[in-house]
Amino acid sequence: MSEACQKAVSLRTSRVAYYRQCGNARSDYEVFDSETGEMTRLSPRQFEAMYVPDWKLPPHMRHIASAAPSWWDWKARRGA
C-alpha cells in the first residue's frame, strides 16, 4: 500500500491504529493494528463504532495519537 494512512484511537484498547478508506465515503476501511501490523477491513459503521479518528478526538485524548509515529515512520520501523 503506497497511500498514507491516518491515525485513529481504538475505543476498546485506547491504542493507536492506522486506517484508510478504500474508495468513496461509503467504502470500507482498512485498519492496521499498530502493535501487530494486522489489517482488518471494516464497514464504515463498524469503524465508527470501534475507532475515533485523531481529528475527532477530544482535546484531553489527542496526546494518544500525537505520541504515535506517523504512518511512514511506523511502516519503516516494521520493515514494510
PDB file of N, CA and C in Angstrom:
ATOM      1  N   MET A   1       0.858  -1.177   0.000  1.00  0.00           N
ATOM      2  CA  MET A   1       0.000   0.000   0.000  1.00  0.00           C
ATOM      3  C   MET A   1       0.891   1.223   0.000  1.00  0.00           C
ATOM      4  N   SER A   2       0.713   2.088  -0.952  1.00  0.00           N
ATOM      5  CA  SER A   2       1.567   3.267  -1.050  1.00  0.00           C
ATOM      6  C   SER A   2       0.899   4.517  -0.490  1.00  0.00           C
ATOM      7  N   GLU A   3      -0.389   4.498  -0.362  1.00  0.00           N
ATOM      8  CA  GLU A   3      -1.107   5.665   0.146  1.00  0.00           C
ATOM      9  C   GLU A   3      -0.970   5.758   1.659  1.00  0.00           C
ATOM     10  N   ALA A   4      -0.781   6.965   2.152  1.00  0.00           N
ATOM     11  CA  ALA A   4      -0.611   7.170   3.592  1.00  0.00           C
ATOM     12  C   ALA A   4      -1.916   6.904   4.336  1.00  0.00           C
ATOM     13  N   CYS A   5      -1.751   6.424   5.536  1.00  0.00           N
ATOM     14  CA  CYS A   5      -2.887   6.187   6.415  1.00  0.00           C
ATOM     15  C   CYS A   5      -2.949   7.295   7.451  1.00  0.00           C
ATOM     16  N   GLN A   6      -4.098   7.403   8.065  1.00  0.00           N
ATOM     17  CA  GLN A   6      -4.296   8.362   9.147  1.00  0.00           C
ATOM     18  C   GLN A   6      -4.357   7.591  10.459  1.00  0.00           C
ATOM     19  N   LYS A   7      -4.293   8.316  11.558  1.00  0.00           N
ATOM     20  CA  LYS A   7      -4.335   7.691  12.878  1.00  0.00           C
ATOM     21  C   LYS A   7      -5.755   7.719  13.431  1.00  0.00           C
ATOM     22  N   ALA A   8      -6.055   6.678  14.205  1.00  0.00           N
ATOM     23  CA  ALA A   8      -7.298   6.604  14.954  1.00  0.00           C
ATOM     24  C   ALA A   8      -6.979   5.926  16.274  1.00  0.00           C
ATOM     25  N   VAL A   9      -7.838   6.132  17.255  1.00  0.00           N
ATOM     26  CA  VAL A   9      -7.657   5.503  18.555  1.00  0.00           C
ATOM     27  C   VAL A   9      -8.790   4.502  18.757  1.00  0.00           C
ATOM     28  N   SER A  10      -8.414   3.305  19.186  1.00  0.00           N
ATOM     29  CA  SER A  10      -9.382   2.247  19.442  1.00  0.00           C
ATOM     30  C   SER A  10     -10.188   2.581  20.688  1.00  0.00           C
ATOM     31  N   LEU A  11     -11.494   2.468  20.593  1.00  0.00           N
ATOM     32  CA  LEU A  11     -12.346   2.703  21.758  1.00  0.00           C
ATOM     33  C   LEU A  11     -12.233   1.546  22.744  1.00  0.00           C
ATOM     34  N   ARG A  12     -11.823   0.397  22.274  1.00  0.00           N
ATOM     35  CA  ARG A  12     -11.705  -0.785  23.135  1.00  0.00           C
ATOM     36  C   ARG A  12     -10.386  -0.808  23.892  1.00  0.00           C
ATOM     37  N   THR A  13      -9.278  -0.516  23.204  1.00  0.00           N
ATOM     38  CA  THR A  13      -7.961  -0.666  23.815  1.00  0.00           C
ATOM     39  C   THR A  13      -7.238   0.655  24.083  1.00  0.00           C
ATOM     40  N   SER A  14      -7.720   1.749  23.518  1.00  0.00           N
ATOM     41  CA  SER A  14      -7.077   3.071  23.596  1.00  0.00           C
ATOM     42  C   SER A  14      -5.717   3.096  22.892  1.00  0.00           C
ATOM     43  N   ARG A  15      -5.459   2.122  22.025  1.00  0.00           N
ATOM     44  CA  ARG A  15      -4.227   2.105  21.245  1.00  0.00           C
ATOM     45  C   ARG A  15      -4.463   2.773  19.908  1.00  0.00           C
ATOM     46  N   VAL A  16      -3.379   3.265  19.334  1.00  0.00           N
ATOM     47  CA  VAL A  16      -3.457   3.887  18.020  1.00  0.00           C
ATOM     48  C   VAL A  16      -3.496   2.806  16.952  1.00  0.00           C
ATOM     49  N   ALA A  17      -4.290   3.050  15.936  1.00  0.00           N
ATOM     50  CA  ALA A  17      -4.340   2.213  14.744  1.00  0.00           C
ATOM     51  C   ALA A  17      -4.197   3.153  13.558  1.00  0.00           C
ATOM     52  N   TYR A  18      -3.792   2.606  12.443  1.00  0.00           N
ATOM     53  CA  TYR A  18      -3.669   3.389  11.210  1.00  0.00           C
ATOM     54  C   TYR A  18      -4.765   2.919  10.268  1.00  0.00           C
ATOM     55  N   TYR A  19      -5.393   3.869   9.589  1.00  0.00           N
ATOM     56  CA  TYR A  19      -6.512   3.487   8.725  1.00  0.00           C
ATOM     57  C   TYR A  19      -6.515   4.304   7.449  1.00  0.00           C
ATOM     58  N   ARG A  20      -7.208   3.749   6.468  1.00  0.00           N
ATOM     59  CA  ARG A  20      -7.510   4.496   5.253  1.00  0.00           C
ATOM     60  C   ARG A  20      -8.812   3.946   4.694  1.00  0.00           C
ATOM     61  N   GLN A  21      -9.513   4.807   3.991  1.00  0.00           N
ATOM     62  CA  GLN A  21     -10.758   4.395   3.361  1.00  0.00           C
ATOM     63  C   GLN A  21     -10.449   3.914   1.954  1.00  0.00           C
ATOM     64  N   CYS A  22     -11.077   2.846   1.551  1.00  0.00           N
ATOM     65  CA  CYS A  22     -10.773   2.181   0.277  1.00  0.00           C
ATOM     66  C   CYS A  22     -11.671   2.655  -0.857  1.00  0.00           C
ATOM     67  N   GLY A  23     -11.858   3.934  -1.016  1.00  0.00           N
ATOM     68  CA  GLY A  23     -12.716   4.442  -2.090  1.00  0.00           C
ATOM     69  C   GLY A  23     -13.460   5.680  -1.646  1.00  0.00           C
ATOM     70  N   ASN A  24     -14.749   5.702  -1.960  1.00  0.00           N
ATOM     71  CA  ASN A  24     -15.557   6.879  -1.625  1.00  0.00           C
ATOM     72  C   ASN A  24     -16.031   6.843  -0.168  1.00  0.00           C
ATOM     73  N   ALA A  25     -16.871   7.774   0.197  1.00  0.00           N
ATOM     74  CA  ALA A  25     -17.309   7.934   1.586  1.00  0.00           C
ATOM     75  C   ALA A  25     -18.078   6.736   2.133  1.00  0.00           C
ATOM     76  N   ARG A  26     -18.612   5.899   1.274  1.00  0.00           N
ATOM     77  CA  ARG A  26     -19.354   4.724   1.742  1.00  0.00           C
ATOM     78  C   ARG A  26     -18.521   3.445   1.687  1.00  0.00           C
ATOM     79  N   SER A  27     -17.266   3.576   1.355  1.00  0.00           N
ATOM     80  CA  SER A  27     -16.387   2.412   1.211  1.00  0.00           C
ATOM     81  C   SER A  27     -15.908   1.895   2.560  1.00  0.00           C
ATOM     82  N   ASP A  28     -15.399   0.678   2.514  1.00  0.00           N
ATOM     83  CA  ASP A  28     -14.831   0.061   3.714  1.00  0.00           C
ATOM     84  C   ASP A  28     -13.532   0.748   4.116  1.00  0.00           C
ATOM     85  N   TYR A  29     -13.106   0.482   5.333  1.00  0.00           N
ATOM     86  CA  TYR A  29     -11.853   0.986   5.871  1.00  0.00           C
ATOM     87  C   TYR A  29     -10.876  -0.174   6.024  1.00  0.00           C
ATOM     88  N   GLU A  30      -9.620   0.083   5.744  1.00  0.00           N
ATOM     89  CA  GLU A  30      -8.554  -0.840   6.085  1.00  0.00           C
ATOM     90  C   GLU A  30      -7.909  -0.278   7.342  1.00  0.00           C
ATOM     91  N   VAL A  31      -7.882  -1.083   8.400  1.00  0.00           N
ATOM     92  CA  VAL A  31      -7.360  -0.645   9.687  1.00  0.00           C
ATOM     93  C   VAL A  31      -6.177  -1.541  10.051  1.00  0.00           C
ATOM     94  N   PHE A  32      -5.043  -0.915  10.376  1.00  0.00           N
ATOM     95  CA  PHE A  32      -3.824  -1.634  10.729  1.00  0.00           C
ATOM     96  C   PHE A  32      -3.546  -1.470  12.214  1.00  0.00           C
ATOM     97  N   ASP A  33      -3.459  -2.574  12.925  1.00  0.00           N
ATOM     98  CA  ASP A  33      -3.128  -2.550  14.344  1.00  0.00           C
ATOM     99  C   ASP A  33      -1.684  -2.092  14.490  1.00  0.00           C
ATOM    100  N   SER A  34      -1.436  -1.117  15.336  1.00  0.00           N
ATOM    101  CA  SER A  34      -0.087  -0.562  15.460  1.00  0.00           C
ATOM    102  C   SER A  34       0.884  -1.520  16.139  1.00  0.00           C
ATOM    103  N   GLU A  35       0.396  -2.478  16.895  1.00  0.00           N
ATOM    104  CA  GLU A  35       1.296  -3.415  17.567  1.00  0.00           C
ATOM    105  C   GLU A  35       1.565  -4.667  16.739  1.00  0.00           C
ATOM    106  N   THR A  36       0.549  -5.195  16.102  1.00  0.00           N
ATOM    107  CA  THR A  36       0.715  -6.457  15.362  1.00  0.00           C
ATOM    108  C   THR A  36       0.906  -6.250  13.870  1.00  0.00           C
ATOM    109  N   GLY A  37       0.466  -5.112  13.351  1.00  0.00           N
ATOM    110  CA  GLY A  37       0.514  -4.871  11.912  1.00  0.00           C
ATOM    111  C   GLY A  37      -0.619  -5.542  11.164  1.00  0.00           C
ATOM    112  N   GLU A  38      -1.473  -6.249  11.883  1.00  0.00           N
ATOM    113  CA  GLU A  38      -2.594  -6.965  11.263  1.00  0.00           C
ATOM    114  C   GLU A  38      -3.588  -5.975  10.658  1.00  0.00           C
ATOM    115  N   MET A  39      -4.028  -6.281   9.435  1.00  0.00           N
ATOM    116  CA  MET A  39      -5.005  -5.424   8.755  1.00  0.00           C
ATOM    117  C   MET A  39      -6.387  -6.063   8.868  1.00  0.00           C
ATOM    118  N   THR A  40      -7.358  -5.211   9.190  1.00  0.00           N
ATOM    119  CA  THR A  40      -8.748  -5.632   9.260  1.00  0.00           C
ATOM    120  C   THR A  40      -9.553  -4.715   8.363  1.00  0.00           C
ATOM    121  N   ARG A  41     -10.467  -5.283   7.600  1.00  0.00           N
ATOM    122  CA  ARG A  41     -11.345  -4.475   6.761  1.00  0.00           C
ATOM    123  C   ARG A  41     -12.682  -4.328   7.479  1.00  0.00           C
ATOM    124  N   LEU A  42     -13.103  -3.070   7.666  1.00  0.00           N
ATOM    125  CA  LEU A  42     -14.341  -2.778   8.392  1.00  0.00           C
ATOM    126  C   LEU A  42     -15.268  -1.922   7.549  1.00  0.00           C
ATOM    127  N   SER A  43     -16.553  -2.115   7.732  1.00  0.00           N
ATOM    128  CA  SER A  43     -17.532  -1.233   7.095  1.00  0.00           C
ATOM    129  C   SER A  43     -17.468   0.116   7.802  1.00  0.00           C
ATOM    130  N   PRO A  44     -17.972   1.182   7.169  1.00  0.00           N
ATOM    131  CA  PRO A  44     -17.970   2.491   7.846  1.00  0.00           C
ATOM    132  C   PRO A  44     -18.655   2.446   9.213  1.00  0.00           C
ATOM    133  N   ARG A  45     -19.746   1.717   9.313  1.00  0.00           N
ATOM    134  CA  ARG A  45     -20.471   1.627  10.591  1.00  0.00           C
ATOM    135  C   ARG A  45     -19.626   0.918  11.649  1.00  0.00           C
ATOM    136  N   GLN A  46     -18.949  -0.167  11.266  1.00  0.00           N
ATOM    137  CA  GLN A  46     -18.073  -0.870  12.203  1.00  0.00           C
ATOM    138  C   GLN A  46     -16.914   0.020  12.642  1.00  0.00           C
ATOM    139  N   PHE A  47     -16.304   0.717  11.683  1.00  0.00           N
ATOM    140  CA  PHE A  47     -15.184   1.598  12.005  1.00  0.00           C
ATOM    141  C   PHE A  47     -15.605   2.660  13.006  1.00  0.00           C
ATOM    142  N   GLU A  48     -16.729   3.310  12.761  1.00  0.00           N
ATOM    143  CA  GLU A  48     -17.198   4.374  13.651  1.00  0.00           C
ATOM    144  C   GLU A  48     -17.538   3.853  15.043  1.00  0.00           C
ATOM    145  N   ALA A  49     -17.935   2.590  15.149  1.00  0.00           N
ATOM    146  CA  ALA A  49     -18.260   2.004  16.449  1.00  0.00           C
ATOM    147  C   ALA A  49     -17.013   1.594  17.225  1.00  0.00           C
ATOM    148  N   MET A  50     -15.888   1.389  16.510  1.00  0.00           N
ATOM    149  CA  MET A  50     -14.692   0.854  17.158  1.00  0.00           C
ATOM    150  C   MET A  50     -13.530   1.839  17.281  1.00  0.00           C
ATOM    151  N   TYR A  51     -13.517   2.903  16.454  1.00  0.00           N
ATOM    152  CA  TYR A  51     -12.375   3.819  16.405  1.00  0.00           C
ATOM    153  C   TYR A  51     -12.822   5.271  16.353  1.00  0.00           C
ATOM    154  N   VAL A  52     -11.942   6.150  16.844  1.00  0.00           N
ATOM    155  CA  VAL A  52     -12.155   7.589  16.729  1.00  0.00           C
ATOM    156  C   VAL A  52     -10.951   8.147  15.958  1.00  0.00           C
ATOM    157  N   PRO A  53     -11.183   8.746  14.776  1.00  0.00           N
ATOM    158  CA  PRO A  53     -10.067   9.354  14.038  1.00  0.00           C
ATOM    159  C   PRO A  53      -9.413  10.455  14.874  1.00  0.00           C
ATOM    160  N   ASP A  54      -8.105  10.639  14.683  1.00  0.00           N
ATOM    161  CA  ASP A  54      -7.385  11.612  15.517  1.00  0.00           C
ATOM    162  C   ASP A  54      -7.979  13.007  15.433  1.00  0.00           C
ATOM    163  N   TRP A  55      -8.503  13.396  14.281  1.00  0.00           N
ATOM    164  CA  TRP A  55      -9.057  14.743  14.149  1.00  0.00           C
ATOM    165  C   TRP A  55     -10.388  14.899  14.877  1.00  0.00           C
ATOM    166  N   LYS A  56     -10.996  13.786  15.326  1.00  0.00           N
ATOM    167  CA  LYS A  56     -12.251  13.853  16.077  1.00  0.00           C
ATOM    168  C   LYS A  56     -12.038  13.662  17.583  1.00  0.00           C
ATOM    169  N   LEU A  57     -10.810  13.410  17.987  1.00  0.00           N
ATOM    170  CA  LEU A  57     -10.546  13.166  19.404  1.00  0.00           C
ATOM    171  C   LEU A  57     -10.776  14.427  20.229  1.00  0.00           C
ATOM    172  N   PRO A  58     -11.324  14.276  21.432  1.00  0.00           N
ATOM    173  CA  PRO A  58     -11.443  15.443  22.315  1.00  0.00           C
ATOM    174  C   PRO A  58     -10.051  15.878  22.756  1.00  0.00           C
ATOM    175  N   PRO A  59      -9.884  17.138  23.107  1.00  0.00           N
ATOM    176  CA  PRO A  59      -8.566  17.671  23.467  1.00  0.00           C
ATOM    177  C   PRO A  59      -7.811  16.848  24.508  1.00  0.00           C
ATOM    178  N   HIS A  60      -8.495  16.313  25.505  1.00  0.00           N
ATOM    179  CA  HIS A  60      -7.807  15.566  26.561  1.00  0.00           C
ATOM    180  C   HIS A  60      -7.304  14.193  26.102  1.00  0.00           C
ATOM    181  N   MET A  61      -7.634  13.771  24.875  1.00  0.00           N
ATOM    182  CA  MET A  61      -7.179  12.469  24.361  1.00  0.00           C
ATOM    183  C   MET A  61      -6.238  12.598  23.163  1.00  0.00           C
ATOM    184  N   ARG A  62      -6.016  13.797  22.692  1.00  0.00           N
ATOM    185  CA  ARG A  62      -5.191  13.975  21.487  1.00  0.00           C
ATOM    186  C   ARG A  62      -3.751  13.528  21.673  1.00  0.00           C
ATOM    187  N   HIS A  63      -3.269  13.554  22.904  1.00  0.00           N
ATOM    188  CA  HIS A  63      -1.884  13.137  23.165  1.00  0.00           C
ATOM    189  C   HIS A  63      -1.645  11.680  22.773  1.00  0.00           C
ATOM    190  N   ILE A  64      -2.678  10.849  22.820  1.00  0.00           N
ATOM    191  CA  ILE A  64      -2.533   9.436  22.464  1.00  0.00           C
ATOM    192  C   ILE A  64      -2.106   9.309  21.005  1.00  0.00           C
ATOM    193  N   ALA A  65      -2.799   9.998  20.117  1.00  0.00           N
ATOM    194  CA  ALA A  65      -2.470   9.939  18.690  1.00  0.00           C
ATOM    195  C   ALA A  65      -1.181  10.700  18.392  1.00  0.00           C
ATOM    196  N   SER A  66      -0.954  11.818  19.061  1.00  0.00           N
ATOM    197  CA  SER A  66       0.254  12.613  18.793  1.00  0.00           C
ATOM    198  C   SER A  66       1.523  11.857  19.161  1.00  0.00           C
ATOM    199  N   ALA A  67       1.455  11.016  20.181  1.00  0.00           N
ATOM    200  CA  ALA A  67       2.634  10.284  20.635  1.00  0.00           C
ATOM    201  C   ALA A  67       3.017   9.147  19.696  1.00  0.00           C
ATOM    202  N   ALA A  68       2.083   8.690  18.880  1.00  0.00           N
ATOM    203  CA  ALA A  68       2.366   7.585  17.952  1.00  0.00           C
ATOM    204  C   ALA A  68       3.125   8.097  16.735  1.00  0.00           C
ATOM    205  N   PRO A  69       3.987   7.250  16.169  1.00  0.00           N
ATOM    206  CA  PRO A  69       4.728   7.674  14.974  1.00  0.00           C
ATOM    207  C   PRO A  69       3.794   7.884  13.784  1.00  0.00           C
ATOM    208  N   SER A  70       4.259   8.630  12.815  1.00  0.00           N
ATOM    209  CA  SER A  70       3.471   8.812  11.592  1.00  0.00           C
ATOM    210  C   SER A  70       3.355   7.468  10.884  1.00  0.00           C
ATOM    211  N   TRP A  71       2.460   7.379   9.934  1.00  0.00           N
ATOM    212  CA  TRP A  71       2.283   6.158   9.142  1.00  0.00           C
ATOM    213  C   TRP A  71       3.595   5.728   8.503  1.00  0.00           C
ATOM    214  N   TRP A  72       4.293   6.685   7.891  1.00  0.00           N
ATOM    215  CA  TRP A  72       5.537   6.354   7.188  1.00  0.00           C
ATOM    216  C   TRP A  72       6.614   5.881   8.148  1.00  0.00           C
ATOM    217  N   ASP A  73       6.745   6.515   9.320  1.00  0.00           N
ATOM    218  CA  ASP A  73       7.727   6.087  10.313  1.00  0.00           C
ATOM    219  C   ASP A  73       7.378   4.709  10.868  1.00  0.00           C
ATOM    220  N   TRP A  74       6.119   4.482  11.145  1.00  0.00           N
ATOM    221  CA  TRP A  74       5.670   3.186  11.636  1.00  0.00           C
ATOM    222  C   TRP A  74       5.964   2.087  10.626  1.00  0.00           C
ATOM    223  N   LYS A  75       5.642   2.378   9.379  1.00  0.00           N
ATOM    224  CA  LYS A  75       5.863   1.399   8.301  1.00  0.00           C
ATOM    225  C   LYS A  75       7.356   1.104   8.144  1.00  0.00           C
ATOM    226  N   ALA A  76       8.200   2.125   8.215  1.00  0.00           N
ATOM    227  CA  ALA A  76       9.644   1.942   8.085  1.00  0.00           C
ATOM    228  C   ALA A  76      10.196   1.090   9.236  1.00  0.00           C
ATOM    229  N   ARG A  77       9.691   1.310  10.435  1.00  0.00           N
ATOM    230  CA  ARG A  77      10.152   0.528  11.597  1.00  0.00           C
ATOM    231  C   ARG A  77       9.781  -0.936  11.466  1.00  0.00           C
ATOM    232  N   ARG A  78       8.677  -1.202  10.803  1.00  0.00           N
ATOM    233  CA  ARG A  78       8.217  -2.588  10.613  1.00  0.00           C
ATOM    234  C   ARG A  78       8.935  -3.254   9.441  1.00  0.00           C
ATOM    235  N   GLY A  79       9.672  -2.450   8.668  1.00  0.00           N
ATOM    236  CA  GLY A  79      10.387  -3.006   7.526  1.00  0.00           C
ATOM    237  C   GLY A  79       9.499  -3.304   6.346  1.00  0.00           C
ATOM    238  N   ALA A  80       8.355  -2.628   6.287  1.00  0.00           N
ATOM    239  CA  ALA A  80       7.402  -2.877   5.193  1.00  0.00           C
ATOM    240  C   ALA A  80       7.755  -2.086   3.959  1.00  0.00           C
TER     241      ALA A  80
END
